[in-house]
C-alpha atoms as a PDB file:
ATOM      1  CA  UNK A   1      14.906   4.312  11.982  1.00  0.00           C
ATOM      2  CA  UNK A   2      15.104   5.742   8.523  1.00  0.00           C
ATOM      3  CA  UNK A   3      14.656   9.434   7.842  1.00  0.00           C
ATOM      4  CA  UNK A   4      13.587  11.140   4.632  1.00  0.00           C
ATOM      5  CA  UNK A   5      16.144  11.215   1.812  1.00  0.00           C
ATOM      6  CA  UNK A   6      18.268   8.404   3.193  1.00  0.00           C
ATOM      7  CA  UNK A   7      20.092   6.498   0.488  1.00  0.00           C
ATOM      8  CA  UNK A   8      21.212   2.914   1.051  1.00  0.00           C
ATOM      9  CA  UNK A   9      23.409   1.034  -1.350  1.00  0.00           C
ATOM     10  CA  UNK A  10      21.503  -2.008  -2.652  1.00  0.00           C
ATOM     11  CA  UNK A  11      23.523  -4.608  -0.775  1.00  0.00           C
ATOM     12  CA  UNK A  12      23.322  -2.867   2.623  1.00  0.00           C
ATOM     13  CA  UNK A  13      21.993  -5.154   5.345  1.00  0.00           C
ATOM     14  CA  UNK A  14      22.299  -3.275   8.653  1.00  0.00           C
ATOM     15  CA  UNK A  15      22.448  -5.507  11.713  1.00  0.00           C
ATOM     16  CA  UNK A  16      21.440  -3.050  14.422  1.00  0.00           C
ATOM     17  CA  UNK A  17      18.856  -0.352  15.097  1.00  0.00           C
ATOM     18  CA  UNK A  18      19.910   2.763  13.282  1.00  0.00           C
ATOM     19  CA  UNK A  19      19.593   6.490  13.555  1.00  0.00           C
ATOM     20  CA  UNK A  20      20.196   8.289  10.284  1.00  0.00           C
ATOM     21  CA  UNK A  21      19.326  11.761   9.078  1.00  0.00           C
ATOM     22  CA  UNK A  22      18.049  13.230   5.840  1.00  0.00           C
ATOM     23  CA  UNK A  23      20.339  13.186   2.852  1.00  0.00           C
ATOM     24  CA  UNK A  24      22.718  10.641   4.372  1.00  0.00           C
ATOM     25  CA  UNK A  25      24.218   7.769   2.394  1.00  0.00           C
ATOM     26  CA  UNK A  26      25.088   4.479   4.068  1.00  0.00           C
ATOM     27  CA  UNK A  27      27.489   2.272   2.079  1.00  0.00           C
ATOM     28  CA  UNK A  28      27.206  -1.482   1.499  1.00  0.00           C
ATOM     29  CA  UNK A  29      27.822  -3.457   4.659  1.00  0.00           C
ATOM     30  CA  UNK A  30      28.129  -0.382   6.872  1.00  0.00           C
ATOM     31  CA  UNK A  31      26.700  -0.681  10.384  1.00  0.00           C
ATOM     32  CA  UNK A  32      25.270   2.223  12.340  1.00  0.00           C
ATOM     33  CA  UNK A  33      24.990   0.981  15.910  1.00  0.00           C
ATOM     34  CA  UNK A  34      22.005   1.724  18.112  1.00  0.00           C
ATOM     35  CA  UNK A  35      22.565   5.043  19.837  1.00  0.00           C
ATOM     36  CA  UNK A  36      24.705   6.518  17.049  1.00  0.00           C
ATOM     37  CA  UNK A  37      23.830   9.543  14.926  1.00  0.00           C
ATOM     38  CA  UNK A  38      24.736  10.234  11.295  1.00  0.00           C
ATOM     39  CA  UNK A  39      24.645  13.925  10.344  1.00  0.00           C
ATOM     40  CA  UNK A  40      22.622  15.241   7.411  1.00  0.00           C
ATOM     41  CA  UNK A  41      24.521  14.887   4.148  1.00  0.00           C
ATOM     42  CA  UNK A  42      27.053  12.437   5.577  1.00  0.00           C
ATOM     43  CA  UNK A  43      28.351   9.530   3.521  1.00  0.00           C
ATOM     44  CA  UNK A  44      29.229   6.462   5.613  1.00  0.00           C
ATOM     45  CA  UNK A  45      31.637   4.315   3.554  1.00  0.00           C
ATOM     46  CA  UNK A  46      31.016   0.670   2.737  1.00  0.00           C
ATOM     47  CA  UNK A  47      31.972  -1.598   5.608  1.00  0.00           C
ATOM     48  CA  UNK A  48      32.322   1.228   8.149  1.00  0.00           C
ATOM     49  CA  UNK A  49      31.021   0.902  11.706  1.00  0.00           C
ATOM     50  CA  UNK A  50      29.500   3.932  13.415  1.00  0.00           C
ATOM     51  CA  UNK A  51      29.825   3.287  17.146  1.00  0.00           C
ATOM     52  CA  UNK A  52      27.034   3.857  19.642  1.00  0.00           C
ATOM     53  CA  UNK A  53      27.230   7.239  21.364  1.00  0.00           C
ATOM     54  CA  UNK A  54      28.986   9.024  18.515  1.00  0.00           C
ATOM     55  CA  UNK A  55      28.071  11.656  15.941  1.00  0.00           C
ATOM     56  CA  UNK A  56      29.603  11.208  12.492  1.00  0.00           C
ATOM     57  CA  UNK A  57      29.501  13.598   9.567  1.00  0.00           C
ATOM     58  CA  UNK A  58      31.170  14.515   6.304  1.00  0.00           C
ATOM     59  CA  UNK A  59      32.000  12.667   3.115  1.00  0.00           C
ATOM     60  CA  UNK A  60      33.463  10.300   3.848  1.00  0.00           C
ATOM     61  CA  UNK A  61      31.913  10.269   7.309  1.00  0.00           C
ATOM     62  CA  UNK A  62      34.241  10.520  10.288  1.00  0.00           C
ATOM     63  CA  UNK A  63      33.610  10.752  13.997  1.00  0.00           C
ATOM     64  CA  UNK A  64      32.932  14.368  14.930  1.00  0.00           C
ATOM     65  CA  UNK A  65      32.362  13.995  18.667  1.00  0.00           C
ATOM     66  CA  UNK A  66      30.588  11.996  21.342  1.00  0.00           C
ATOM     67  CA  UNK A  67      26.855  12.614  21.546  1.00  0.00           C
ATOM     68  CA  UNK A  68      25.746  14.985  24.284  1.00  0.00           C
ATOM     69  CA  UNK A  69      23.472  13.458  26.927  1.00  0.00           C
ATOM     70  CA  UNK A  70      20.453  15.419  25.681  1.00  0.00           C
ATOM     71  CA  UNK A  71      21.069  14.250  22.090  1.00  0.00           C
ATOM     72  CA  UNK A  72      21.379  10.616  23.142  1.00  0.00           C
ATOM     73  CA  UNK A  73      18.217  10.809  25.249  1.00  0.00           C
ATOM     74  CA  UNK A  74      16.281  12.276  22.304  1.00  0.00           C
ATOM     75  CA  UNK A  75      17.063   9.357  19.939  1.00  0.00           C
ATOM     76  CA  UNK A  76      14.237   7.070  21.176  1.00  0.00           C
ATOM     77  CA  UNK A  77      11.768   9.984  21.068  1.00  0.00           C
ATOM     78  CA  UNK A  78      12.789  10.770  17.494  1.00  0.00           C
ATOM     79  CA  UNK A  79      12.592   7.104  16.446  1.00  0.00           C
ATOM     80  CA  UNK A  80       9.081   6.797  17.854  1.00  0.00           C
ATOM     81  CA  UNK A  81       7.941   9.937  16.009  1.00  0.00           C
ATOM     82  CA  UNK A  82       9.350   8.697  12.670  1.00  0.00           C
ATOM     83  CA  UNK A  83       7.646   5.315  13.171  1.00  0.00           C
ATOM     84  CA  UNK A  84       4.331   7.073  13.824  1.00  0.00           C
ATOM     85  CA  UNK A  85       4.746   9.235  10.717  1.00  0.00           C
ATOM     86  CA  UNK A  86       5.645   6.206   8.585  1.00  0.00           C
ATOM     87  CA  UNK A  87       2.589   4.298   9.813  1.00  0.00           C
ATOM     88  CA  UNK A  88       0.372   7.264   8.991  1.00  0.00           C
ATOM     89  CA  UNK A  89       1.822   7.566   5.496  1.00  0.00           C
ATOM     90  CA  UNK A  90       1.382   3.826   4.938  1.00  0.00           C
ATOM     91  CA  UNK A  91      -2.284   4.014   6.000  1.00  0.00           C
ATOM     92  CA  UNK A  92      -2.786   6.819   3.489  1.00  0.00           C
ATOM     93  CA  UNK A  93      -1.002   4.903   0.737  1.00  0.00           C
ATOM     94  CA  UNK A  94       1.820   7.440   0.550  1.00  0.00           C
ATOM     95  CA  UNK A  95       4.686   5.015   1.243  1.00  0.00           C
ATOM     96  CA  UNK A  96       6.865   3.535  -1.461  1.00  0.00           C
END
């Protein structure tokens, strides 16, 4: 799932479902595992792996803490909402 103002380096090819927040930067070859969260404004370095169940933040990003149960359970809800918004924008011709 991609959120607004996410910046990917051109060569980034993530291999797993991702949760990323606005203003985040994900470096080339970095992997954000399913069930992980990247804080707003974080910069995940090239080649880094953000493990499932963790929250990372900062520049460069580092693990801040394990996700709380309520945060982890909200990830699929949030992903679904972003997908619905993206589909709506695409129908209206507002996507890039």
